[in-house]
Amino acid sequence: MPKSDHRVAQLNRSIESRLTKYESTRRHLPEVAAYVRVQRTLMADHQPEGGRWGALCLADHDPTTPWPCDGVQKFDSPTAYFD
């Protein structure tokens, strides 16, 4: 995939930061590693075509969905990682 534009990279970093923090604070729970692995897989699936903001999301949903799709926006929500 071509290099992401700065907004795509920034949003991906924000989501990765949230996942890393979630994982580190809940490391003692056995199901957390599997949850984080699934979330990272979903994020890898939900990337924009050509790495461009506003391009089509490559995930398995409506093929006309622009990035960031609803799924990506939920990944970046602080409330997504509340127990």
N, C-alpha and C. Protein backbone atom coordinates (compact mmCIF):
# COMPACT_ATOMS: atom_id res chain seq x y z
N MET A 1 0.85 -1.18 0.00
CA MET A 1 0.00 0.00 0.00
C MET A 1 0.90 1.24 0.00
N PRO A 2 0.54 2.25 -0.76
CA PRO A 2 1.33 3.49 -0.75
C PRO A 2 1.32 4.13 0.64
N LYS A 3 2.27 5.00 0.83
CA LYS A 3 2.36 5.69 2.11
C LYS A 3 1.06 6.44 2.40
N SER A 4 0.56 6.30 3.64
CA SER A 4 -0.68 6.96 4.04
C SER A 4 -0.49 8.46 4.11
N ASP A 5 -1.57 9.20 3.86
CA ASP A 5 -1.46 10.64 4.06
C ASP A 5 -1.42 10.91 5.57
N HIS A 6 -1.05 12.10 5.95
CA HIS A 6 -0.79 12.40 7.36
C HIS A 6 -2.03 12.22 8.23
N ARG A 7 -3.21 12.51 7.72
CA ARG A 7 -4.42 12.36 8.54
C ARG A 7 -4.73 10.89 8.79
N VAL A 8 -4.52 10.05 7.79
CA VAL A 8 -4.73 8.61 7.96
C VAL A 8 -3.74 8.08 8.99
N ALA A 9 -2.48 8.45 8.84
CA ALA A 9 -1.45 7.99 9.78
C ALA A 9 -1.75 8.48 11.20
N GLN A 10 -2.19 9.71 11.33
CA GLN A 10 -2.50 10.26 12.65
C GLN A 10 -3.66 9.51 13.31
N LEU A 11 -4.72 9.25 12.57
CA LEU A 11 -5.86 8.52 13.13
C LEU A 11 -5.46 7.09 13.49
N ASN A 12 -4.69 6.43 12.63
CA ASN A 12 -4.23 5.08 12.94
C ASN A 12 -3.35 5.06 14.19
N ARG A 13 -2.50 6.06 14.36
CA ARG A 13 -1.66 6.14 15.56
C ARG A 13 -2.52 6.35 16.80
N SER A 14 -3.54 7.18 16.70
CA SER A 14 -4.43 7.42 17.83
C SER A 14 -5.13 6.13 18.26
N ILE A 15 -5.61 5.38 17.29
CA ILE A 15 -6.29 4.12 17.60
C ILE A 15 -5.30 3.12 18.19
N GLU A 16 -4.13 3.02 17.61
CA GLU A 16 -3.11 2.10 18.14
C GLU A 16 -2.73 2.48 19.56
N SER A 17 -2.64 3.75 19.84
CA SER A 17 -2.33 4.21 21.19
C SER A 17 -3.42 3.79 22.18
N ARG A 18 -4.67 3.94 21.78
CA ARG A 18 -5.78 3.52 22.65
C ARG A 18 -5.74 2.02 22.89
N LEU A 19 -5.49 1.24 21.84
CA LEU A 19 -5.42 -0.21 22.00
C LEU A 19 -4.26 -0.62 22.90
N THR A 20 -3.12 0.01 22.72
CA THR A 20 -1.95 -0.32 23.54
C THR A 20 -2.20 0.00 25.01
N LYS A 21 -2.81 1.15 25.26
CA LYS A 21 -3.12 1.53 26.64
C LYS A 21 -4.13 0.55 27.24
N TYR A 22 -5.16 0.22 26.48
CA TYR A 22 -6.16 -0.73 26.94
C TYR A 22 -5.50 -2.06 27.28
N GLU A 23 -4.65 -2.53 26.40
CA GLU A 23 -3.97 -3.81 26.61
C GLU A 23 -3.07 -3.77 27.84
N SER A 24 -2.33 -2.70 28.02
CA SER A 24 -1.40 -2.64 29.14
C SER A 24 -2.10 -2.52 30.49
N THR A 25 -3.24 -1.85 30.53
CA THR A 25 -3.93 -1.71 31.81
C THR A 25 -4.78 -2.93 32.17
N ARG A 26 -5.01 -3.79 31.20
CA ARG A 26 -5.84 -4.98 31.45
C ARG A 26 -5.09 -6.27 31.15
N ARG A 27 -3.80 -6.19 31.14
CA ARG A 27 -2.95 -7.34 30.80
C ARG A 27 -3.24 -8.56 31.67
N HIS A 28 -3.70 -8.32 32.88
CA HIS A 28 -3.95 -9.41 33.83
C HIS A 28 -5.20 -10.23 33.47
N LEU A 29 -6.03 -9.74 32.56
CA LEU A 29 -7.23 -10.45 32.15
C LEU A 29 -6.92 -11.35 30.95
N PRO A 30 -7.25 -12.63 31.05
CA PRO A 30 -6.85 -13.57 30.00
C PRO A 30 -7.45 -13.30 28.62
N GLU A 31 -8.62 -12.69 28.56
CA GLU A 31 -9.27 -12.48 27.27
C GLU A 31 -8.80 -11.22 26.54
N VAL A 32 -8.03 -10.40 27.19
CA VAL A 32 -7.63 -9.12 26.61
C VAL A 32 -6.72 -9.29 25.39
N ALA A 33 -5.78 -10.20 25.45
CA ALA A 33 -4.86 -10.38 24.32
C ALA A 33 -5.63 -10.77 23.05
N ALA A 34 -6.60 -11.66 23.18
CA ALA A 34 -7.39 -12.07 22.02
C ALA A 34 -8.24 -10.90 21.51
N TYR A 35 -8.82 -10.13 22.40
CA TYR A 35 -9.63 -8.98 22.02
C TYR A 35 -8.79 -7.97 21.23
N VAL A 36 -7.62 -7.66 21.74
CA VAL A 36 -6.75 -6.68 21.08
C VAL A 36 -6.29 -7.20 19.73
N ARG A 37 -5.99 -8.49 19.65
CA ARG A 37 -5.58 -9.09 18.38
C ARG A 37 -6.70 -8.94 17.33
N VAL A 38 -7.94 -9.20 17.74
CA VAL A 38 -9.08 -9.05 16.83
C VAL A 38 -9.23 -7.59 16.40
N GLN A 39 -9.10 -6.66 17.35
CA GLN A 39 -9.24 -5.24 17.02
C GLN A 39 -8.17 -4.81 16.02
N ARG A 40 -6.95 -5.28 16.20
CA ARG A 40 -5.88 -4.91 15.27
C ARG A 40 -6.12 -5.51 13.89
N THR A 41 -6.66 -6.71 13.84
CA THR A 41 -7.01 -7.32 12.56
C THR A 41 -8.10 -6.52 11.86
N LEU A 42 -9.11 -6.11 12.63
CA LEU A 42 -10.18 -5.28 12.06
C LEU A 42 -9.64 -3.96 11.53
N MET A 43 -8.74 -3.36 12.29
CA MET A 43 -8.14 -2.10 11.83
C MET A 43 -7.35 -2.30 10.55
N ALA A 44 -6.65 -3.41 10.44
CA ALA A 44 -5.90 -3.69 9.22
C ALA A 44 -6.85 -3.83 8.03
N ASP A 45 -8.03 -4.40 8.28
CA ASP A 45 -9.03 -4.55 7.22
C ASP A 45 -9.66 -3.22 6.84
N HIS A 46 -9.84 -2.35 7.82
CA HIS A 46 -10.52 -1.07 7.62
C HIS A 46 -9.52 0.05 7.31
N GLN A 47 -8.86 -0.07 6.17
CA GLN A 47 -7.93 0.96 5.75
C GLN A 47 -8.42 1.56 4.43
N PRO A 48 -8.03 2.81 4.18
CA PRO A 48 -8.50 3.47 2.95
C PRO A 48 -7.73 3.02 1.72
N GLU A 49 -8.43 2.98 0.63
CA GLU A 49 -7.81 2.64 -0.65
C GLU A 49 -6.69 3.65 -0.94
N GLY A 50 -5.51 3.13 -1.19
CA GLY A 50 -4.37 3.98 -1.52
C GLY A 50 -3.84 4.79 -0.34
N GLY A 51 -4.35 4.52 0.87
CA GLY A 51 -3.87 5.23 2.05
C GLY A 51 -4.31 6.68 2.12
N ARG A 52 -5.39 7.02 1.40
CA ARG A 52 -5.83 8.41 1.32
C ARG A 52 -7.11 8.64 2.12
N TRP A 53 -7.14 9.69 2.89
CA TRP A 53 -8.32 10.12 3.65
C TRP A 53 -9.46 10.36 2.66
N GLY A 54 -10.64 9.85 2.96
CA GLY A 54 -11.80 10.05 2.10
C GLY A 54 -11.92 9.04 0.97
N ALA A 55 -10.88 8.23 0.76
CA ALA A 55 -10.96 7.18 -0.25
C ALA A 55 -11.88 6.07 0.28
N LEU A 56 -12.18 5.12 -0.56
CA LEU A 56 -13.06 4.04 -0.13
C LEU A 56 -12.39 3.16 0.92
N CYS A 57 -13.18 2.75 1.91
CA CYS A 57 -12.70 1.83 2.94
C CYS A 57 -12.65 0.44 2.33
N LEU A 58 -11.57 -0.29 2.57
CA LEU A 58 -11.38 -1.59 1.95
C LEU A 58 -12.01 -2.75 2.73
N ALA A 59 -12.68 -2.45 3.83
CA ALA A 59 -13.30 -3.51 4.65
C ALA A 59 -14.52 -4.07 3.94
N ASP A 60 -15.01 -5.16 4.48
CA ASP A 60 -16.15 -5.87 3.90
C ASP A 60 -17.46 -5.24 4.35
N HIS A 61 -17.79 -4.10 3.77
CA HIS A 61 -19.08 -3.46 3.97
C HIS A 61 -19.46 -2.74 2.69
N ASP A 62 -20.44 -1.88 2.72
CA ASP A 62 -20.87 -1.17 1.51
C ASP A 62 -19.64 -0.64 0.76
N PRO A 63 -19.46 -1.05 -0.48
CA PRO A 63 -18.25 -0.67 -1.20
C PRO A 63 -18.12 0.83 -1.50
N THR A 64 -19.16 1.60 -1.23
CA THR A 64 -19.06 3.05 -1.46
C THR A 64 -18.77 3.81 -0.17
N THR A 65 -18.44 3.11 0.89
CA THR A 65 -18.19 3.74 2.18
C THR A 65 -16.84 4.44 2.19
N PRO A 66 -16.84 5.76 2.42
CA PRO A 66 -15.55 6.47 2.48
C PRO A 66 -14.86 6.26 3.82
N TRP A 67 -13.56 6.44 3.81
CA TRP A 67 -12.75 6.30 5.03
C TRP A 67 -12.53 7.68 5.63
N PRO A 68 -12.66 7.86 6.93
CA PRO A 68 -12.87 6.82 7.93
C PRO A 68 -14.33 6.40 8.04
N CYS A 69 -14.57 5.11 7.97
CA CYS A 69 -15.92 4.58 8.07
C CYS A 69 -16.37 4.62 9.54
N ASP A 70 -17.61 4.26 9.78
CA ASP A 70 -18.13 4.26 11.16
C ASP A 70 -17.31 3.37 12.08
N GLY A 71 -16.86 2.22 11.55
CA GLY A 71 -16.07 1.31 12.37
C GLY A 71 -14.78 1.94 12.86
N VAL A 72 -14.09 2.63 11.98
CA VAL A 72 -12.84 3.29 12.35
C VAL A 72 -13.11 4.41 13.36
N GLN A 73 -14.18 5.15 13.15
CA GLN A 73 -14.51 6.22 14.09
C GLN A 73 -14.81 5.66 15.47
N LYS A 74 -15.46 4.50 15.52
CA LYS A 74 -15.73 3.86 16.82
C LYS A 74 -14.43 3.39 17.47
N PHE A 75 -13.49 2.87 16.65
CA PHE A 75 -12.20 2.44 17.20
C PHE A 75 -11.48 3.60 17.89
N ASP A 76 -11.67 4.81 17.39
CA ASP A 76 -10.97 5.96 17.95
C ASP A 76 -11.72 6.62 19.10
N SER A 77 -12.90 6.16 19.41
CA SER A 77 -13.68 6.74 20.50
C SER A 77 -13.13 6.29 21.86
N PRO A 78 -12.92 7.22 22.78
CA PRO A 78 -12.43 6.84 24.11
C PRO A 78 -13.37 5.86 24.81
N THR A 79 -14.66 5.94 24.51
CA THR A 79 -15.61 5.04 25.17
C THR A 79 -15.57 3.62 24.62
N ALA A 80 -14.90 3.40 23.51
CA ALA A 80 -14.80 2.06 22.92
C ALA A 80 -14.03 1.10 23.81
N TYR A 81 -13.22 1.64 24.71
CA TYR A 81 -12.36 0.78 25.51
C TYR A 81 -12.71 0.80 26.99
N PHE A 82 -13.94 1.20 27.26
CA PHE A 82 -14.44 1.11 28.64
C PHE A 82 -14.94 -0.31 28.86
N ASP A 83 -14.79 -0.78 30.06
CA ASP A 83 -15.31 -2.11 30.40
C ASP A 83 -16.75 -2.03 30.80
